[in-house]
C-alpha atoms as a PDB file:
ATOM      1  CA  MET A   1     -13.601   8.278  18.488  1.00  0.00           C
ATOM      2  CA  ILE A   2     -10.306   8.456  16.457  1.00  0.00           C
ATOM      3  CA  ILE A   3      -9.220  11.970  15.837  1.00  0.00           C
ATOM      4  CA  ALA A   4      -6.737  12.199  13.055  1.00  0.00           C
ATOM      5  CA  ILE A   5      -4.342  15.263  13.048  1.00  0.00           C
ATOM      6  CA  ASP A   6      -2.369  15.552   9.779  1.00  0.00           C
ATOM      7  CA  GLY A   7       0.001  18.402   8.482  1.00  0.00           C
ATOM      8  CA  PRO A   8       3.669  19.269   7.362  1.00  0.00           C
ATOM      9  CA  ALA A   9       6.645  19.335   9.790  1.00  0.00           C
ATOM     10  CA  ALA A  10       6.426  21.737  12.774  1.00  0.00           C
ATOM     11  CA  SER A  11       2.823  22.724  12.113  1.00  0.00           C
ATOM     12  CA  GLY A  12       1.913  21.974  15.708  1.00  0.00           C
ATOM     13  CA  LYS A  13       0.455  18.781  15.381  1.00  0.00           C
ATOM     14  CA  SER A  14       2.411  17.009  18.194  1.00  0.00           C
ATOM     15  CA  THR A  15       2.090  19.169  20.888  1.00  0.00           C
ATOM     16  CA  THR A  16      -1.421  20.100  20.128  1.00  0.00           C
ATOM     17  CA  ALA A  17      -2.474  16.241  19.692  1.00  0.00           C
ATOM     18  CA  ARG A  18      -0.669  15.465  23.105  1.00  0.00           C
ATOM     19  CA  GLN A  19      -2.474  18.064  25.001  1.00  0.00           C
ATOM     20  CA  LEU A  20      -5.746  17.367  23.161  1.00  0.00           C
ATOM     21  CA  ALA A  21      -5.502  13.803  24.147  1.00  0.00           C
ATOM     22  CA  LYS A  22      -4.885  14.527  27.714  1.00  0.00           C
ATOM     23  CA  ARG A  23      -8.014  16.988  27.989  1.00  0.00           C
ATOM     24  CA  LEU A  24     -10.216  14.229  26.257  1.00  0.00           C
ATOM     25  CA  ASP A  25      -8.628  11.537  28.298  1.00  0.00           C
ATOM     26  CA  TYR A  26      -7.856   9.810  25.160  1.00  0.00           C
ATOM     27  CA  THR A  27      -4.729   7.825  24.132  1.00  0.00           C
ATOM     28  CA  TYR A  28      -2.087   9.973  22.342  1.00  0.00           C
ATOM     29  CA  ILE A  29      -0.268   8.229  19.354  1.00  0.00           C
ATOM     30  CA  ASP A  30       2.680  10.248  17.711  1.00  0.00           C
ATOM     31  CA  THR A  31       3.283   8.308  14.684  1.00  0.00           C
ATOM     32  CA  GLY A  32       6.161  10.655  13.489  1.00  0.00           C
ATOM     33  CA  ALA A  33       8.276   9.604  16.516  1.00  0.00           C
ATOM     34  CA  MET A  34       8.037   6.140  15.197  1.00  0.00           C
ATOM     35  CA  TYR A  35       9.449   6.951  11.898  1.00  0.00           C
ATOM     36  CA  ARG A  36      12.105   9.016  13.746  1.00  0.00           C
ATOM     37  CA  ALA A  37      13.027   5.920  15.778  1.00  0.00           C
ATOM     38  CA  VAL A  38      13.457   3.891  12.487  1.00  0.00           C
ATOM     39  CA  THR A  39      15.515   6.581  10.892  1.00  0.00           C
ATOM     40  CA  LEU A  40      17.707   6.876  14.201  1.00  0.00           C
ATOM     41  CA  LYS A  41      18.489   3.272  13.911  1.00  0.00           C
ATOM     42  CA  MET A  42      19.492   3.411  10.495  1.00  0.00           C
ATOM     43  CA  LEU A  43      21.698   6.237  11.196  1.00  0.00           C
ATOM     44  CA  ARG A  44      23.238   4.450  14.134  1.00  0.00           C
ATOM     45  CA  LEU A  45      24.079   1.634  12.127  1.00  0.00           C
ATOM     46  CA  GLY A  46      25.663   3.737   9.377  1.00  0.00           C
ATOM     47  CA  ILE A  47      23.384   2.196   6.773  1.00  0.00           C
ATOM     48  CA  TYR A  48      20.940   5.129   6.086  1.00  0.00           C
ATOM     49  CA  GLU A  49      21.995   5.641   2.335  1.00  0.00           C
ATOM     50  CA  LYS A  50      22.143   1.833   1.781  1.00  0.00           C
ATOM     51  CA  VAL A  51      18.545   1.139   2.857  1.00  0.00           C
ATOM     52  CA  LEU A  52      17.190   3.689   0.487  1.00  0.00           C
ATOM     53  CA  THR A  53      18.203   1.487  -2.270  1.00  0.00           C
ATOM     54  CA  GLU A  54      18.806  -2.021  -0.978  1.00  0.00           C
ATOM     55  CA  SER A  55      15.365  -3.370  -0.080  1.00  0.00           C
ATOM     56  CA  PHE A  56      16.894  -6.794   1.124  1.00  0.00           C
ATOM     57  CA  LEU A  57      18.814  -5.000   3.821  1.00  0.00           C
ATOM     58  CA  LEU A  58      16.011  -2.683   4.812  1.00  0.00           C
ATOM     59  CA  LYS A  59      13.686  -5.486   5.308  1.00  0.00           C
ATOM     60  CA  LYS A  60      16.231  -7.405   7.508  1.00  0.00           C
ATOM     61  CA  VAL A  61      16.984  -4.347   9.719  1.00  0.00           C
ATOM     62  CA  LEU A  62      13.104  -3.891   9.918  1.00  0.00           C
ATOM     63  CA  ASP A  63      12.514  -7.320  11.055  1.00  0.00           C
ATOM     64  CA  GLU A  64      14.998  -6.833  13.853  1.00  0.00           C
ATOM     65  CA  THR A  65      13.564  -3.535  14.973  1.00  0.00           C
ATOM     66  CA  GLN A  66      10.925  -2.865  17.742  1.00  0.00           C
ATOM     67  CA  VAL A  67       9.584   0.558  18.348  1.00  0.00           C
ATOM     68  CA  GLU A  68       7.444   1.366  21.347  1.00  0.00           C
ATOM     69  CA  LEU A  69       5.602   4.363  22.547  1.00  0.00           C
ATOM     70  CA  LYS A  70       5.037   4.442  26.357  1.00  0.00           C
ATOM     71  CA  GLY A  71       3.343   7.661  27.510  1.00  0.00           C
ATOM     72  CA  ASP A  72       5.567  10.550  26.231  1.00  0.00           C
ATOM     73  CA  ARG A  73       8.591   8.312  25.895  1.00  0.00           C
ATOM     74  CA  VAL A  74       9.854   6.453  22.823  1.00  0.00           C
ATOM     75  CA  PHE A  75      11.732   3.390  22.782  1.00  0.00           C
ATOM     76  CA  LEU A  76      13.844   1.716  20.148  1.00  0.00           C
ATOM     77  CA  ASP A  77      14.646  -1.951  20.785  1.00  0.00           C
ATOM     78  CA  GLY A  78      13.995  -1.405  24.378  1.00  0.00           C
ATOM     79  CA  GLN A  79      16.192   1.757  24.737  1.00  0.00           C
ATOM     80  CA  ASP A  80      14.509   5.225  25.494  1.00  0.00           C
ATOM     81  CA  VAL A  81      15.459   7.348  22.441  1.00  0.00           C
ATOM     82  CA  THR A  82      12.975  10.233  23.286  1.00  0.00           C
ATOM     83  CA  GLN A  83      15.541  12.851  23.094  1.00  0.00           C
ATOM     84  CA  GLU A  84      17.778  11.451  20.447  1.00  0.00           C
ATOM     85  CA  ILE A  85      15.023  11.215  17.722  1.00  0.00           C
ATOM     86  CA  ARG A  86      14.610  15.153  17.857  1.00  0.00           C
ATOM     87  CA  THR A  87      17.957  15.943  16.470  1.00  0.00           C
ATOM     88  CA  ASN A  88      18.271  17.983  13.430  1.00  0.00           C
ATOM     89  CA  GLU A  89      20.206  15.082  11.759  1.00  0.00           C
ATOM     90  CA  VAL A  90      17.039  12.767  12.254  1.00  0.00           C
ATOM     91  CA  SER A  91      14.831  15.648  10.969  1.00  0.00           C
ATOM     92  CA  THR A  92      16.747  15.893   7.981  1.00  0.00           C
ATOM     93  CA  CYS A  93      16.602  12.148   7.138  1.00  0.00           C
ATOM     94  CA  VAL A  94      13.315  10.995   8.279  1.00  0.00           C
ATOM     95  CA  SER A  95      11.399  12.005   5.266  1.00  0.00           C
ATOM     96  CA  LYS A  96      13.372   9.631   3.102  1.00  0.00           C
ATOM     97  CA  ILE A  97      13.038   6.788   5.445  1.00  0.00           C
ATOM     98  CA  SER A  98       9.570   7.237   6.035  1.00  0.00           C
ATOM     99  CA  SER A  99       8.800   7.082   2.281  1.00  0.00           C
ATOM    100  CA  LEU A 100      10.195   3.495   2.009  1.00  0.00           C
ATOM    101  CA  LYS A 101       7.092   1.036   1.468  1.00  0.00           C
ATOM    102  CA  PRO A 102       8.432  -1.510   3.937  1.00  0.00           C
ATOM    103  CA  VAL A 103       8.806   1.065   6.512  1.00  0.00           C
ATOM    104  CA  ARG A 104       5.129   2.249   6.143  1.00  0.00           C
ATOM    105  CA  GLU A 105       3.608  -1.013   5.813  1.00  0.00           C
ATOM    106  CA  LYS A 106       5.255  -2.064   9.406  1.00  0.00           C
ATOM    107  CA  LEU A 107       4.458   1.041  11.301  1.00  0.00           C
ATOM    108  CA  VAL A 108       1.047   1.558   9.831  1.00  0.00           C
ATOM    109  CA  PHE A 109       0.447  -2.060  10.960  1.00  0.00           C
ATOM    110  CA  TYR A 110       1.208  -0.933  14.565  1.00  0.00           C
ATOM    111  CA  GLN A 111      -0.557   2.247  14.378  1.00  0.00           C
ATOM    112  CA  ARG A 112      -3.861   0.447  13.153  1.00  0.00           C
ATOM    113  CA  LYS A 113      -3.296  -2.008  16.160  1.00  0.00           C
ATOM    114  CA  MET A 114      -3.131   0.770  18.683  1.00  0.00           C
ATOM    115  CA  GLY A 115      -5.968   2.772  17.419  1.00  0.00           C
ATOM    116  CA  GLN A 116      -8.152  -0.155  17.902  1.00  0.00           C
ATOM    117  CA  ALA A 117      -8.454   0.835  21.452  1.00  0.00           C
ATOM    118  CA  ARG A 118     -10.742   3.760  20.448  1.00  0.00           C
ATOM    119  CA  GLY A 119     -10.457   7.186  22.239  1.00  0.00           C
ATOM    120  CA  VAL A 120      -7.342   8.022  20.242  1.00  0.00           C
ATOM    121  CA  VAL A 121      -5.643  11.129  19.258  1.00  0.00           C
ATOM    122  CA  MET A 122      -3.073  10.229  16.415  1.00  0.00           C
ATOM    123  CA  ASP A 123      -0.827  12.622  14.414  1.00  0.00           C
ATOM    124  CA  GLY A 124       1.264  12.315  11.297  1.00  0.00           C
ATOM    125  CA  ARG A 125       1.198  12.955   7.647  1.00  0.00           C
ATOM    126  CA  ASP A 126      -1.235  10.123   6.461  1.00  0.00           C
ATOM    127  CA  ILE A 127      -3.453   9.283   9.296  1.00  0.00           C
ATOM    128  CA  GLY A 128      -6.601  10.646   7.695  1.00  0.00           C
ATOM    129  CA  THR A 129      -6.050   9.449   4.289  1.00  0.00           C
ATOM    130  CA  VAL A 130      -4.162   5.868   4.950  1.00  0.00           C
ATOM    131  CA  VAL A 131      -4.054   4.777   8.332  1.00  0.00           C
ATOM    132  CA  PHE A 132      -7.671   5.600   9.449  1.00  0.00           C
ATOM    133  CA  PRO A 133      -9.486   7.281   6.377  1.00  0.00           C
ATOM    134  CA  ASP A 134     -12.817   6.502   8.578  1.00  0.00           C
ATOM    135  CA  ALA A 135     -11.681   8.501  11.433  1.00  0.00           C
ATOM    136  CA  GLU A 136     -14.746  10.404  12.936  1.00  0.00           C
ATOM    137  CA  LEU A 137     -12.780  13.850  13.093  1.00  0.00           C
ATOM    138  CA  LYS A 138     -10.022  14.770  10.822  1.00  0.00           C
ATOM    139  CA  ILE A 139      -7.815  17.986  10.986  1.00  0.00           C
ATOM    140  CA  PHE A 140      -5.167  19.276   8.601  1.00  0.00           C
ATOM    141  CA  MET A 141      -2.725  21.669  10.294  1.00  0.00           C
ATOM    142  CA  ILE A 142      -0.747  24.324   8.197  1.00  0.00           C
ATOM    143  CA  ALA A 143       1.333  26.924   9.155  1.00  0.00           C
ATOM    144  CA  ASP A 144       3.722  29.609   7.391  1.00  0.00           C
ATOM    145  CA  PRO A 145       7.085  28.121   6.730  1.00  0.00           C
ATOM    146  CA  HIS A 146       9.008  30.800   8.543  1.00  0.00           C
ATOM    147  CA  GLU A 147       6.856  30.481  11.824  1.00  0.00           C
ATOM    148  CA  ARG A 148       7.231  26.685  11.455  1.00  0.00           C
ATOM    149  CA  ALA A 149      11.052  27.183  11.159  1.00  0.00           C
ATOM    150  CA  LYS A 150      11.075  29.221  14.576  1.00  0.00           C
ATOM    151  CA  ARG A 151       9.085  26.620  16.196  1.00  0.00           C
ATOM    152  CA  ARG A 152      11.478  23.907  15.108  1.00  0.00           C
ATOM    153  CA  HIS A 153      14.487  26.191  16.341  1.00  0.00           C
ATOM    154  CA  GLU A 154      13.054  26.625  19.670  1.00  0.00           C
ATOM    155  CA  GLU A 155      12.247  22.828  19.957  1.00  0.00           C
ATOM    156  CA  LEU A 156      15.955  21.994  18.971  1.00  0.00           C
ATOM    157  CA  ARG A 157      17.133  24.385  21.565  1.00  0.00           C
ATOM    158  CA  GLN A 158      15.159  23.022  24.402  1.00  0.00           C
ATOM    159  CA  LYS A 159      15.287  19.296  23.598  1.00  0.00           C
ATOM    160  CA  SER A 160      18.347  18.453  21.523  1.00  0.00           C
ATOM    161  CA  PRO A 161      21.942  18.115  22.314  1.00  0.00           C
ATOM    162  CA  ALA A 162      24.339  21.019  22.163  1.00  0.00           C
ATOM    163  CA  GLY A 163      25.671  19.909  18.747  1.00  0.00           C
ATOM    164  CA  ASP A 164      22.338  21.396  17.331  1.00  0.00           C
ATOM    165  CA  ALA A 165      22.949  24.745  18.702  1.00  0.00           C
ATOM    166  CA  GLY A 166      24.719  26.144  15.674  1.00  0.00           C
ATOM    167  CA  VAL A 167      21.595  25.261  13.358  1.00  0.00           C
ATOM    168  CA  THR A 168      20.276  28.545  11.928  1.00  0.00           C
ATOM    169  CA  LEU A 169      16.648  29.576  11.309  1.00  0.00           C
ATOM    170  CA  GLU A 170      17.485  30.184   7.808  1.00  0.00           C
ATOM    171  CA  SER A 171      18.768  26.592   7.225  1.00  0.00           C
ATOM    172  CA  LEU A 172      15.836  25.195   9.078  1.00  0.00           C
ATOM    173  CA  GLU A 173      13.243  26.840   6.914  1.00  0.00           C
ATOM    174  CA  LYS A 174      15.074  25.686   3.845  1.00  0.00           C
ATOM    175  CA  GLU A 175      14.865  22.109   5.250  1.00  0.00           C
ATOM    176  CA  ILE A 176      11.115  22.511   6.186  1.00  0.00           C
ATOM    177  CA  MET A 177      10.437  23.608   2.652  1.00  0.00           C
ATOM    178  CA  GLN A 178      12.430  20.749   1.088  1.00  0.00           C
ATOM    179  CA  ARG A 179      10.947  18.398   3.600  1.00  0.00           C
ATOM    180  CA  ASP A 180       7.418  19.535   2.362  1.00  0.00           C
ATOM    181  CA  ASP A 181       8.249  18.815  -1.121  1.00  0.00           C
ATOM    182  CA  GLU A 182       9.390  15.259  -0.376  1.00  0.00           C
ATOM    183  CA  ASP A 183       6.576  14.487   1.478  1.00  0.00           C
ATOM    184  CA  ARG A 184       3.855  15.819  -0.973  1.00  0.00           C
ATOM    185  CA  GLN A 185       5.804  14.058  -3.944  1.00  0.00           C
ATOM    186  CA  ARG A 186       6.521  10.672  -2.420  1.00  0.00           C
ATOM    187  CA  GLU A 187       4.761   7.630  -4.185  1.00  0.00           C
ATOM    188  CA  VAL A 188       3.804   5.998  -0.892  1.00  0.00           C
ATOM    189  CA  ALA A 189       1.204   7.721   1.282  1.00  0.00           C
ATOM    190  CA  PRO A 190       1.946  11.259   0.272  1.00  0.00           C
ATOM    191  CA  LEU A 191       1.118  14.306   2.573  1.00  0.00           C
ATOM    192  CA  ARG A 192      -2.269  15.609   1.414  1.00  0.00           C
ATOM    193  CA  LYS A 193      -5.311  16.736   3.018  1.00  0.00           C
ATOM    194  CA  ALA A 194      -8.367  14.412   3.066  1.00  0.00           C
ATOM    195  CA  ASP A 195     -11.332  15.646   1.289  1.00  0.00           C
ATOM    196  CA  ASP A 196     -13.456  15.456   4.458  1.00  0.00           C
ATOM    197  CA  ALA A 197     -10.436  17.102   6.835  1.00  0.00           C
ATOM    198  CA  THR A 198     -10.959  20.489   8.353  1.00  0.00           C
ATOM    199  CA  GLU A 199      -7.911  22.843   7.566  1.00  0.00           C
ATOM    200  CA  LEU A 200      -6.702  24.810  10.668  1.00  0.00           C
ATOM    201  CA  ASP A 201      -3.933  27.478  10.104  1.00  0.00           C
ATOM    202  CA  THR A 202      -1.828  27.720  13.140  1.00  0.00           C
ATOM    203  CA  SER A 203       0.648  30.480  11.921  1.00  0.00           C
ATOM    204  CA  THR A 204      -0.952  32.966  14.609  1.00  0.00           C
ATOM    205  CA  LEU A 205      -2.457  30.560  17.186  1.00  0.00           C
ATOM    206  CA  THR A 206      -1.105  29.678  20.513  1.00  0.00           C
ATOM    207  CA  ILE A 207      -0.996  25.960  21.420  1.00  0.00           C
ATOM    208  CA  ASP A 208      -3.802  26.572  23.809  1.00  0.00           C
ATOM    209  CA  GLU A 209      -5.726  28.227  21.026  1.00  0.00           C
ATOM    210  CA  GLN A 210      -5.095  25.112  18.735  1.00  0.00           C
ATOM    211  CA  VAL A 211      -6.312  22.618  21.480  1.00  0.00           C
ATOM    212  CA  GLU A 212      -9.315  24.451  22.316  1.00  0.00           C
ATOM    213  CA  THR A 213     -10.412  24.817  18.648  1.00  0.00           C
ATOM    214  CA  ILE A 214     -10.099  21.004  18.087  1.00  0.00           C
ATOM    215  CA  TYR A 215     -11.443  20.333  21.320  1.00  0.00           C
ATOM    216  CA  ARG A 216     -14.728  22.010  20.443  1.00  0.00           C
ATOM    217  CA  MET A 217     -14.865  20.268  17.274  1.00  0.00           C
ATOM    218  CA  ALA A 218     -14.303  16.825  18.879  1.00  0.00           C
ATOM    219  CA  LEU A 219     -17.255  17.652  21.297  1.00  0.00           C
ATOM    220  CA  ASP A 220     -19.528  18.473  18.218  1.00  0.00           C
ATOM    221  CA  VAL A 221     -18.637  15.124  16.688  1.00  0.00           C
ATOM    222  CA  ILE A 222     -19.392  13.462  19.956  1.00  0.00           C
ATOM    223  CA  ALA A 223     -22.631  15.306  20.686  1.00  0.00           C
ATOM    224  CA  THR A 224     -23.776  14.533  17.177  1.00  0.00           C
ATOM    225  CA  ALA A 225     -23.115  10.676  17.491  1.00  0.00           C
ATOM    226  CA  VAL A 226     -25.091  10.420  20.687  1.00  0.00           C
ATOM    227  CA  LYS A 227     -28.280  11.847  19.151  1.00  0.00           C
END
């Protein structure tokens, strides 16, 4: 079974999906981390602005880029970048990079190959609408922007270098709302709830409650399938 978990930034997708996969003994695939890794490479090379408009350069760099997920670790061209992809700079830039058609085509190809193993929990923006429109269970997670900003602020405090320490809650909330607009309005694979997805508001839910809710949904789907 493929479980697709979509939703906007900081709605709780990744943490919930990771724990859900562990509970079900499924493979977890964090597609957002893949887009973050590509974004990090463009920033490292100093070509972030250029690739937004120069498709030839973008395709050339993508041809030379390898992104791998190994458990909870993310590797870019063989280097572990699990911590680096969580900086606020990457968070600010990833929406525009992920909206580029060549980037999505390359990464969606990888994601579909990984999903062939079945028994997969995959989270992102377009899993239930583009990557796996036939997923057996689709969840669309939402949360209040202020609550999402608090979550992102705590994530940065725990995982990111000291350079992000001065990022304010107010600036994060503004960035999250801007990211929402960019994700919904982009031409390629915009953020939207699949018609057959179940919406889950996580504003007042703990991670354990989120996992338990989706876990029970998954058991219902499995039980129905074996009848």
